[in-house]
Amino acid sequence: MAANPAGPAGFQNKTRVAILVELDKEKRRLMSGPGASVPLSARPSLKEARDSAEQQHIAAQQKAALQHAHGHSSGFFITQDSAFGNLILPVLPRLEPDL
């Protein structure tokens, strides 16, 4: 009884075809989803997404620094973007001169 030499190769081809069919179905499902109607030019670019994520990270750092400063100091602080990396700045009260 001779073994069928095309047997394993035929099985691999059927498997590949089945995988490709499933991928095509998934692609079509994704293409017809809610985000598919938005043109690519209207979607945020990778740079814009990265900048947005960086801004959110900075905002979270400012909030954490501000909460820590208010919790551990009797001073008053504000958030401020700084070229020197300072996320919060102390606010000194303005004293009116005595007349």
PDB file of N, CA and C in Angstrom:
ATOM      1  N   MET A   1       0.849  -1.165   0.000  1.00  0.00           N
ATOM      2  CA  MET A   1       0.000   0.000   0.000  1.00  0.00           C
ATOM      3  C   MET A   1       0.899   1.234   0.000  1.00  0.00           C
ATOM      4  N   ALA A   2       0.797   2.031  -1.049  1.00  0.00           N
ATOM      5  CA  ALA A   2       1.645   3.212  -1.183  1.00  0.00           C
ATOM      6  C   ALA A   2       1.009   4.391  -0.462  1.00  0.00           C
ATOM      7  N   ALA A   3       1.863   5.169   0.201  1.00  0.00           N
ATOM      8  CA  ALA A   3       1.379   6.365   0.906  1.00  0.00           C
ATOM      9  C   ALA A   3       1.118   7.469  -0.106  1.00  0.00           C
ATOM     10  N   ASN A   4       0.118   8.252   0.144  1.00  0.00           N
ATOM     11  CA  ASN A   4      -0.218   9.362  -0.745  1.00  0.00           C
ATOM     12  C   ASN A   4       0.745  10.511  -0.480  1.00  0.00           C
ATOM     13  N   PRO A   5       1.685  10.818  -1.426  1.00  0.00           N
ATOM     14  CA  PRO A   5       2.653  11.871  -1.172  1.00  0.00           C
ATOM     15  C   PRO A   5       2.013  13.255  -1.102  1.00  0.00           C
ATOM     16  N   ALA A   6       0.862  13.445  -1.702  1.00  0.00           N
ATOM     17  CA  ALA A   6       0.214  14.753  -1.681  1.00  0.00           C
ATOM     18  C   ALA A   6      -0.628  14.941  -0.426  1.00  0.00           C
ATOM     19  N   GLY A   7      -0.762  13.910   0.391  1.00  0.00           N
ATOM     20  CA  GLY A   7      -1.615  13.967   1.574  1.00  0.00           C
ATOM     21  C   GLY A   7      -1.269  15.093   2.538  1.00  0.00           C
ATOM     22  N   PRO A   8      -0.064  15.109   3.129  1.00  0.00           N
ATOM     23  CA  PRO A   8       0.269  16.165   4.082  1.00  0.00           C
ATOM     24  C   PRO A   8       0.287  17.543   3.440  1.00  0.00           C
ATOM     25  N   ALA A   9       0.785  17.640   2.207  1.00  0.00           N
ATOM     26  CA  ALA A   9       0.820  18.939   1.532  1.00  0.00           C
ATOM     27  C   ALA A   9      -0.594  19.435   1.254  1.00  0.00           C
ATOM     28  N   GLY A  10      -1.485  18.516   0.869  1.00  0.00           N
ATOM     29  CA  GLY A  10      -2.878  18.897   0.620  1.00  0.00           C
ATOM     30  C   GLY A  10      -3.549  19.383   1.893  1.00  0.00           C
ATOM     31  N   PHE A  11      -3.244  18.740   3.014  1.00  0.00           N
ATOM     32  CA  PHE A  11      -3.802  19.161   4.302  1.00  0.00           C
ATOM     33  C   PHE A  11      -3.302  20.557   4.668  1.00  0.00           C
ATOM     34  N   GLN A  12      -1.995  20.828   4.446  1.00  0.00           N
ATOM     35  CA  GLN A  12      -1.421  22.146   4.738  1.00  0.00           C
ATOM     36  C   GLN A  12      -2.070  23.216   3.861  1.00  0.00           C
ATOM     37  N   ASN A  13      -2.296  22.904   2.591  1.00  0.00           N
ATOM     38  CA  ASN A  13      -2.930  23.869   1.695  1.00  0.00           C
ATOM     39  C   ASN A  13      -4.356  24.180   2.148  1.00  0.00           C
ATOM     40  N   LYS A  14      -5.097  23.149   2.555  1.00  0.00           N
ATOM     41  CA  LYS A  14      -6.466  23.371   3.038  1.00  0.00           C
ATOM     42  C   LYS A  14      -6.453  24.233   4.298  1.00  0.00           C
ATOM     43  N   THR A  15      -5.475  23.984   5.168  1.00  0.00           N
ATOM     44  CA  THR A  15      -5.355  24.778   6.395  1.00  0.00           C
ATOM     45  C   THR A  15      -5.055  26.237   6.059  1.00  0.00           C
ATOM     46  N   ARG A  16      -4.134  26.433   5.125  1.00  0.00           N
ATOM     47  CA  ARG A  16      -3.788  27.804   4.716  1.00  0.00           C
ATOM     48  C   ARG A  16      -4.993  28.525   4.121  1.00  0.00           C
ATOM     49  N   VAL A  17      -5.732  27.820   3.272  1.00  0.00           N
ATOM     50  CA  VAL A  17      -6.917  28.415   2.644  1.00  0.00           C
ATOM     51  C   VAL A  17      -7.944  28.773   3.707  1.00  0.00           C
ATOM     52  N   ALA A  18      -8.149  27.894   4.686  1.00  0.00           N
ATOM     53  CA  ALA A  18      -9.113  28.170   5.757  1.00  0.00           C
ATOM     54  C   ALA A  18      -8.686  29.384   6.573  1.00  0.00           C
ATOM     55  N   ILE A  19      -7.387  29.488   6.851  1.00  0.00           N
ATOM     56  CA  ILE A  19      -6.876  30.641   7.609  1.00  0.00           C
ATOM     57  C   ILE A  19      -7.068  31.919   6.809  1.00  0.00           C
ATOM     58  N   LEU A  20      -6.752  31.872   5.517  1.00  0.00           N
ATOM     59  CA  LEU A  20      -6.917  33.056   4.680  1.00  0.00           C
ATOM     60  C   LEU A  20      -8.378  33.483   4.585  1.00  0.00           C
ATOM     61  N   VAL A  21      -9.282  32.522   4.518  1.00  0.00           N
ATOM     62  CA  VAL A  21     -10.711  32.838   4.468  1.00  0.00           C
ATOM     63  C   VAL A  21     -11.133  33.515   5.767  1.00  0.00           C
ATOM     64  N   GLU A  22     -10.677  32.994   6.901  1.00  0.00           N
ATOM     65  CA  GLU A  22     -11.025  33.600   8.197  1.00  0.00           C
ATOM     66  C   GLU A  22     -10.449  35.007   8.308  1.00  0.00           C
ATOM     67  N   LEU A  23      -9.220  35.198   7.859  1.00  0.00           N
ATOM     68  CA  LEU A  23      -8.618  36.528   7.885  1.00  0.00           C
ATOM     69  C   LEU A  23      -9.387  37.507   7.006  1.00  0.00           C
ATOM     70  N   ASP A  24      -9.817  37.044   5.834  1.00  0.00           N
ATOM     71  CA  ASP A  24     -10.588  37.895   4.943  1.00  0.00           C
ATOM     72  C   ASP A  24     -11.921  38.285   5.576  1.00  0.00           C
ATOM     73  N   LYS A  25     -12.575  37.329   6.239  1.00  0.00           N
ATOM     74  CA  LYS A  25     -13.843  37.630   6.931  1.00  0.00           C
ATOM     75  C   LYS A  25     -13.627  38.672   8.020  1.00  0.00           C
ATOM     76  N   GLU A  26     -12.554  38.486   8.795  1.00  0.00           N
ATOM     77  CA  GLU A  26     -12.256  39.431   9.884  1.00  0.00           C
ATOM     78  C   GLU A  26     -11.934  40.812   9.318  1.00  0.00           C
ATOM     79  N   LYS A  27     -11.188  40.846   8.224  1.00  0.00           N
ATOM     80  CA  LYS A  27     -10.858  42.118   7.589  1.00  0.00           C
ATOM     81  C   LYS A  27     -12.126  42.841   7.128  1.00  0.00           C
ATOM     82  N   ARG A  28     -13.033  42.107   6.493  1.00  0.00           N
ATOM     83  CA  ARG A  28     -14.286  42.708   6.024  1.00  0.00           C
ATOM     84  C   ARG A  28     -15.134  43.197   7.196  1.00  0.00           C
ATOM     85  N   ARG A  29     -15.138  42.408   8.291  1.00  0.00           N
ATOM     86  CA  ARG A  29     -15.908  42.812   9.471  1.00  0.00           C
ATOM     87  C   ARG A  29     -15.351  44.108  10.059  1.00  0.00           C
ATOM     88  N   LEU A  30     -14.030  44.191  10.120  1.00  0.00           N
ATOM     89  CA  LEU A  30     -13.398  45.399  10.657  1.00  0.00           C
ATOM     90  C   LEU A  30     -13.591  46.596   9.729  1.00  0.00           C
ATOM     91  N   MET A  31     -13.549  46.347   8.436  1.00  0.00           N
ATOM     92  CA  MET A  31     -13.724  47.433   7.462  1.00  0.00           C
ATOM     93  C   MET A  31     -15.142  47.985   7.488  1.00  0.00           C
ATOM     94  N   SER A  32     -16.106  47.175   7.915  1.00  0.00           N
ATOM     95  CA  SER A  32     -17.485  47.646   7.954  1.00  0.00           C
ATOM     96  C   SER A  32     -17.892  48.096   9.352  1.00  0.00           C
ATOM     97  N   GLY A  33     -16.934  48.162  10.281  1.00  0.00           N
ATOM     98  CA  GLY A  33     -17.224  48.553  11.657  1.00  0.00           C
ATOM     99  C   GLY A  33     -17.431  50.051  11.798  1.00  0.00           C
ATOM    100  N   PRO A  34     -17.645  50.540  13.031  1.00  0.00           N
ATOM    101  CA  PRO A  34     -17.941  51.958  13.263  1.00  0.00           C
ATOM    102  C   PRO A  34     -16.809  52.888  12.850  1.00  0.00           C
ATOM    103  N   GLY A  35     -15.559  52.472  12.966  1.00  0.00           N
ATOM    104  CA  GLY A  35     -14.453  53.342  12.591  1.00  0.00           C
ATOM    105  C   GLY A  35     -14.143  53.320  11.115  1.00  0.00           C
ATOM    106  N   ALA A  36     -14.772  52.419  10.369  1.00  0.00           N
ATOM    107  CA  ALA A  36     -14.464  52.281   8.949  1.00  0.00           C
ATOM    108  C   ALA A  36     -14.971  53.453   8.130  1.00  0.00           C
ATOM    109  N   SER A  37     -16.017  54.123   8.585  1.00  0.00           N
ATOM    110  CA  SER A  37     -16.570  55.232   7.813  1.00  0.00           C
ATOM    111  C   SER A  37     -15.746  56.508   7.964  1.00  0.00           C
ATOM    112  N   VAL A  38     -14.839  56.533   8.927  1.00  0.00           N
ATOM    113  CA  VAL A  38     -13.984  57.708   9.124  1.00  0.00           C
ATOM    114  C   VAL A  38     -12.814  57.598   8.157  1.00  0.00           C
ATOM    115  N   PRO A  39     -12.605  58.608   7.307  1.00  0.00           N
ATOM    116  CA  PRO A  39     -11.491  58.538   6.374  1.00  0.00           C
ATOM    117  C   PRO A  39     -10.155  58.553   7.104  1.00  0.00           C
ATOM    118  N   LEU A  40      -9.135  57.965   6.482  1.00  0.00           N
ATOM    119  CA  LEU A  40      -7.830  57.904   7.128  1.00  0.00           C
ATOM    120  C   LEU A  40      -7.276  59.283   7.434  1.00  0.00           C
ATOM    121  N   SER A  41      -7.573  60.270   6.596  1.00  0.00           N
ATOM    122  CA  SER A  41      -7.060  61.615   6.835  1.00  0.00           C
ATOM    123  C   SER A  41      -7.675  62.246   8.080  1.00  0.00           C
ATOM    124  N   ALA A  42      -8.852  61.791   8.499  1.00  0.00           N
ATOM    125  CA  ALA A  42      -9.496  62.353   9.687  1.00  0.00           C
ATOM    126  C   ALA A  42      -9.055  61.646  10.961  1.00  0.00           C
ATOM    127  N   ARG A  43      -8.424  60.487  10.816  1.00  0.00           N
ATOM    128  CA  ARG A  43      -7.939  59.762  11.985  1.00  0.00           C
ATOM    129  C   ARG A  43      -6.640  60.394  12.464  1.00  0.00           C
ATOM    130  N   PRO A  44      -6.401  60.404  13.789  1.00  0.00           N
ATOM    131  CA  PRO A  44      -5.167  61.014  14.280  1.00  0.00           C
ATOM    132  C   PRO A  44      -3.944  60.219  13.834  1.00  0.00           C
ATOM    133  N   SER A  45      -2.896  60.931  13.502  1.00  0.00           N
ATOM    134  CA  SER A  45      -1.672  60.264  13.086  1.00  0.00           C
ATOM    135  C   SER A  45      -0.948  59.722  14.314  1.00  0.00           C
ATOM    136  N   LEU A  46       0.061  58.932  14.065  1.00  0.00           N
ATOM    137  CA  LEU A  46       0.840  58.358  15.162  1.00  0.00           C
ATOM    138  C   LEU A  46       1.497  59.456  15.983  1.00  0.00           C
ATOM    139  N   LYS A  47       1.998  60.500  15.312  1.00  0.00           N
ATOM    140  CA  LYS A  47       2.641  61.611  16.027  1.00  0.00           C
ATOM    141  C   LYS A  47       1.634  62.340  16.904  1.00  0.00           C
ATOM    142  N   GLU A  48       0.439  62.587  16.367  1.00  0.00           N
ATOM    143  CA  GLU A  48      -0.603  63.257  17.154  1.00  0.00           C
ATOM    144  C   GLU A  48      -1.017  62.404  18.345  1.00  0.00           C
ATOM    145  N   ALA A  49      -1.135  61.112  18.144  1.00  0.00           N
ATOM    146  CA  ALA A  49      -1.501  60.210  19.239  1.00  0.00           C
ATOM    147  C   ALA A  49      -0.409  60.199  20.300  1.00  0.00           C
ATOM    148  N   ARG A  50       0.849  60.186  19.872  1.00  0.00           N
ATOM    149  CA  ARG A  50       1.965  60.208  20.812  1.00  0.00           C
ATOM    150  C   ARG A  50       1.985  61.518  21.584  1.00  0.00           C
ATOM    151  N   ASP A  51       1.773  62.646  20.884  1.00  0.00           N
ATOM    152  CA  ASP A  51       1.745  63.948  21.552  1.00  0.00           C
ATOM    153  C   ASP A  51       0.608  64.015  22.562  1.00  0.00           C
ATOM    154  N   SER A  52      -0.543  63.481  22.191  1.00  0.00           N
ATOM    155  CA  SER A  52      -1.688  63.469  23.101  1.00  0.00           C
ATOM    156  C   SER A  52      -1.389  62.623  24.332  1.00  0.00           C
ATOM    157  N   ALA A  53      -0.781  61.475  24.133  1.00  0.00           N
ATOM    158  CA  ALA A  53      -0.431  60.610  25.263  1.00  0.00           C
ATOM    159  C   ALA A  53       0.590  61.290  26.162  1.00  0.00           C
ATOM    160  N   GLU A  54       1.544  62.002  25.548  1.00  0.00           N
ATOM    161  CA  GLU A  54       2.555  62.716  26.333  1.00  0.00           C
ATOM    162  C   GLU A  54       1.905  63.835  27.146  1.00  0.00           C
ATOM    163  N   GLN A  55       0.966  64.563  26.546  1.00  0.00           N
ATOM    164  CA  GLN A  55       0.272  65.629  27.270  1.00  0.00           C
ATOM    165  C   GLN A  55      -0.533  65.063  28.436  1.00  0.00           C
ATOM    166  N   GLN A  56      -1.185  63.915  28.228  1.00  0.00           N
ATOM    167  CA  GLN A  56      -1.940  63.288  29.307  1.00  0.00           C
ATOM    168  C   GLN A  56      -1.010  62.838  30.426  1.00  0.00           C
ATOM    169  N   HIS A  57       0.171  62.338  30.067  1.00  0.00           N
ATOM    170  CA  HIS A  57       1.139  61.906  31.069  1.00  0.00           C
ATOM    171  C   HIS A  57       1.626  63.101  31.886  1.00  0.00           C
ATOM    172  N   ILE A  58       1.916  64.205  31.216  1.00  0.00           N
ATOM    173  CA  ILE A  58       2.372  65.411  31.912  1.00  0.00           C
ATOM    174  C   ILE A  58       1.275  65.929  32.839  1.00  0.00           C
ATOM    175  N   ALA A  59       0.035  65.925  32.369  1.00  0.00           N
ATOM    176  CA  ALA A  59      -1.080  66.381  33.196  1.00  0.00           C
ATOM    177  C   ALA A  59      -1.227  65.504  34.441  1.00  0.00           C
ATOM    178  N   ALA A  60      -1.057  64.200  34.267  1.00  0.00           N
ATOM    179  CA  ALA A  60      -1.148  63.283  35.410  1.00  0.00           C
ATOM    180  C   ALA A  60      -0.011  63.540  36.393  1.00  0.00           C
ATOM    181  N   GLN A  61       1.186  63.816  35.871  1.00  0.00           N
ATOM    182  CA  GLN A  61       2.322  64.130  36.745  1.00  0.00           C
ATOM    183  C   GLN A  61       2.078  65.427  37.504  1.00  0.00           C
ATOM    184  N   GLN A  62       1.542  66.442  36.817  1.00  0.00           N
ATOM    185  CA  GLN A  62       1.255  67.715  37.473  1.00  0.00           C
ATOM    186  C   GLN A  62       0.251  67.527  38.592  1.00  0.00           C
ATOM    187  N   LYS A  63      -0.795  66.757  38.314  1.00  0.00           N
ATOM    188  CA  LYS A  63      -1.830  66.528  39.318  1.00  0.00           C
ATOM    189  C   LYS A  63      -1.254  65.811  40.534  1.00  0.00           C
ATOM    190  N   ALA A  64      -0.433  64.787  40.292  1.00  0.00           N
ATOM    191  CA  ALA A  64       0.169  64.039  41.402  1.00  0.00           C
ATOM    192  C   ALA A  64       1.116  64.929  42.206  1.00  0.00           C
ATOM    193  N   ALA A  65       1.930  65.732  41.514  1.00  0.00           N
ATOM    194  CA  ALA A  65       2.862  66.622  42.206  1.00  0.00           C
ATOM    195  C   ALA A  65       2.110  67.671  43.020  1.00  0.00           C
ATOM    196  N   LEU A  66       1.038  68.193  42.455  1.00  0.00           N
ATOM    197  CA  LEU A  66       0.244  69.208  43.149  1.00  0.00           C
ATOM    198  C   LEU A  66      -0.416  68.624  44.394  1.00  0.00           C
ATOM    199  N   GLN A  67      -0.980  67.429  44.283  1.00  0.00           N
ATOM    200  CA  GLN A  67      -1.598  66.791  45.439  1.00  0.00           C
ATOM    201  C   GLN A  67      -0.565  66.503  46.518  1.00  0.00           C
ATOM    202  N   HIS A  68       0.609  66.043  46.119  1.00  0.00           N
ATOM    203  CA  HIS A  68       1.657  65.756  47.093  1.00  0.00           C
ATOM    204  C   HIS A  68       2.102  67.041  47.797  1.00  0.00           C
ATOM    205  N   ALA A  69       2.295  68.102  47.016  1.00  0.00           N
ATOM    206  CA  ALA A  69       2.748  69.369  47.611  1.00  0.00           C
ATOM    207  C   ALA A  69       1.698  69.928  48.566  1.00  0.00           C
ATOM    208  N   HIS A  70       0.439  69.897  48.182  1.00  0.00           N
ATOM    209  CA  HIS A  70      -0.609  70.412  49.063  1.00  0.00           C
ATOM    210  C   HIS A  70      -0.745  69.558  50.320  1.00  0.00           C
ATOM    211  N   GLY A  71      -0.516  68.256  50.180  1.00  0.00           N
ATOM    212  CA  GLY A  71      -0.647  67.362  51.331  1.00  0.00           C
ATOM    213  C   GLY A  71       0.509  67.436  52.300  1.00  0.00           C
ATOM    214  N   HIS A  72       1.697  67.834  51.839  1.00  0.00           N
ATOM    215  CA  HIS A  72       2.888  67.819  52.683  1.00  0.00           C
ATOM    216  C   HIS A  72       3.453  69.198  52.974  1.00  0.00           C
ATOM    217  N   SER A  73       2.752  70.236  52.600  1.00  0.00           N
ATOM    218  CA  SER A  73       3.254  71.588  52.816  1.00  0.00           C
ATOM    219  C   SER A  73       2.095  72.514  53.141  1.00  0.00           C
ATOM    220  N   SER A  74       2.418  73.558  53.865  1.00  0.00           N
ATOM    221  CA  SER A  74       1.379  74.543  54.174  1.00  0.00           C
ATOM    222  C   SER A  74       1.322  75.640  53.115  1.00  0.00           C
ATOM    223  N   GLY A  75       2.196  75.563  52.111  1.00  0.00           N
ATOM    224  CA  GLY A  75       2.223  76.565  51.060  1.00  0.00           C
ATOM    225  C   GLY A  75       1.137  76.351  50.028  1.00  0.00           C
ATOM    226  N   PHE A  76       1.062  77.260  49.071  1.00  0.00           N
ATOM    227  CA  PHE A  76       0.102  77.179  47.982  1.00  0.00           C
ATOM    228  C   PHE A  76       0.878  77.022  46.685  1.00  0.00           C
ATOM    229  N   PHE A  77       0.462  76.087  45.849  1.00  0.00           N
ATOM    230  CA  PHE A  77       1.178  75.781  44.620  1.00  0.00           C
ATOM    231  C   PHE A  77       0.222  75.815  43.435  1.00  0.00           C
ATOM    232  N   ILE A  78       0.780  76.098  42.256  1.00  0.00           N
ATOM    233  CA  ILE A  78       0.005  76.049  41.017  1.00  0.00           C
ATOM    234  C   ILE A  78       0.766  75.184  40.018  1.00  0.00           C
ATOM    235  N   THR A  79       0.029  74.607  39.055  1.00  0.00           N
ATOM    236  CA  THR A  79       0.692  73.857  37.990  1.00  0.00           C
ATOM    237  C   THR A  79       1.197  74.843  36.945  1.00  0.00           C
ATOM    238  N   GLN A  80       2.344  74.521  36.360  1.00  0.00           N
ATOM    239  CA  GLN A  80       2.934  75.415  35.374  1.00  0.00           C
ATOM    240  C   GLN A  80       3.867  74.628  34.490  1.00  0.00           C
ATOM    241  N   ASP A  81       3.738  74.795  33.175  1.00  0.00           N
ATOM    242  CA  ASP A  81       4.715  74.207  32.260  1.00  0.00           C
ATOM    243  C   ASP A  81       5.987  75.031  32.377  1.00  0.00           C
ATOM    244  N   SER A  82       7.126  74.353  32.422  1.00  0.00           N
ATOM    245  CA  SER A  82       8.378  75.053  32.607  1.00  0.00           C
ATOM    246  C   SER A  82       9.428  74.463  31.695  1.00  0.00           C
ATOM    247  N   ALA A  83      10.277  75.313  31.171  1.00  0.00           N
ATOM    248  CA  ALA A  83      11.383  74.851  30.350  1.00  0.00           C
ATOM    249  C   ALA A  83      12.403  74.087  31.195  1.00  0.00           C
ATOM    250  N   PHE A  84      12.325  74.231  32.503  1.00  0.00           N
ATOM    251  CA  PHE A  84      13.265  73.581  33.409  1.00  0.00           C
ATOM    252  C   PHE A  84      12.705  72.295  34.009  1.00  0.00           C
ATOM    253  N   GLY A  85      11.503  71.896  33.605  1.00  0.00           N
ATOM    254  CA  GLY A  85      10.932  70.651  34.079  1.00  0.00           C
ATOM    255  C   GLY A  85      10.161  70.763  35.381  1.00  0.00           C
ATOM    256  N   ASN A  86       9.932  71.968  35.855  1.00  0.00           N
ATOM    257  CA  ASN A  86       9.161  72.149  37.078  1.00  0.00           C
ATOM    258  C   ASN A  86       7.677  72.032  36.752  1.00  0.00           C
ATOM    259  N   LEU A  87       7.007  71.064  37.372  1.00  0.00           N
ATOM    260  CA  LEU A  87       5.594  70.867  37.091  1.00  0.00           C
ATOM    261  C   LEU A  87       4.710  71.760  37.950  1.00  0.00           C
ATOM    262  N   ILE A  88       5.198  72.120  39.125  1.00  0.00           N
ATOM    263  CA  ILE A  88       4.422  73.007  39.995  1.00  0.00           C
ATOM    264  C   ILE A  88       5.343  74.119  40.489  1.00  0.00           C
ATOM    265  N   LEU A  89       4.755  75.247  40.775  1.00  0.00           N
ATOM    266  CA  LEU A  89       5.498  76.391  41.290  1.00  0.00           C
ATOM    267  C   LEU A  89       4.834  76.889  42.569  1.00  0.00           C
ATOM    268  N   PRO A  90       5.645  77.259  43.554  1.00  0.00           N
ATOM    269  CA  PRO A  90       5.043  77.822  44.761  1.00  0.00           C
ATOM    270  C   PRO A  90       4.547  79.239  44.467  1.00  0.00           C
ATOM    271  N   VAL A  91       3.464  79.588  45.097  1.00  0.00           N
ATOM    272  CA  VAL A  91       2.904  80.925  44.937  1.00  0.00           C
ATOM    273  C   VAL A  91       3.123  81.669  46.252  1.00  0.00           C
ATOM    274  N   LEU A  92       3.799  82.766  46.139  1.00  0.00           N
ATOM    275  CA  LEU A  92       4.029  83.584  47.334  1.00  0.00           C
ATOM    276  C   LEU A  92       2.937  84.639  47.392  1.00  0.00           C
ATOM    277  N   PRO A  93       2.347  84.812  48.547  1.00  0.00           N
ATOM    278  CA  PRO A  93       1.286  85.831  48.635  1.00  0.00           C
ATOM    279  C   PRO A  93       1.846  87.224  48.477  1.00  0.00           C
ATOM    280  N   ARG A  94       1.086  88.080  47.845  1.00  0.00           N
ATOM    281  CA  ARG A  94       1.483  89.462  47.689  1.00  0.00           C
ATOM    282  C   ARG A  94       1.074  90.215  48.944  1.00  0.00           C
ATOM    283  N   LEU A  95       2.045  90.816  49.566  1.00  0.00           N
ATOM    284  CA  LEU A  95       1.762  91.548  50.795  1.00  0.00           C
ATOM    285  C   LEU A  95       1.625  93.026  50.454  1.00  0.00           C
ATOM    286  N   GLU A  96       0.553  93.609  50.935  1.00  0.00           N
ATOM    287  CA  GLU A  96       0.340  95.044  50.721  1.00  0.00           C
ATOM    288  C   GLU A  96       1.188  95.816  51.749  1.00  0.00           C
ATOM    289  N   PRO A  97       1.832  96.868  51.299  1.00  0.00           N
ATOM    290  CA  PRO A  97       2.665  97.635  52.239  1.00  0.00           C
ATOM    291  C   PRO A  97       1.788  98.318  53.290  1.00  0.00           C
ATOM    292  N   ASP A  98       2.301  98.372  54.503  1.00  0.00           N
ATOM    293  CA  ASP A  98       1.595  99.073  55.580  1.00  0.00           C
ATOM    294  C   ASP A  98       1.783 100.561  55.412  1.00  0.00           C
ATOM    295  N   LEU A  99       0.711 101.295  55.476  1.00  0.00           N
ATOM    296  CA  LEU A  99       0.800 102.761  55.344  1.00  0.00           C
ATOM    297  C   LEU A  99       0.717 103.422  56.660  1.00  0.00           C
TER     298      LEU A  99
END
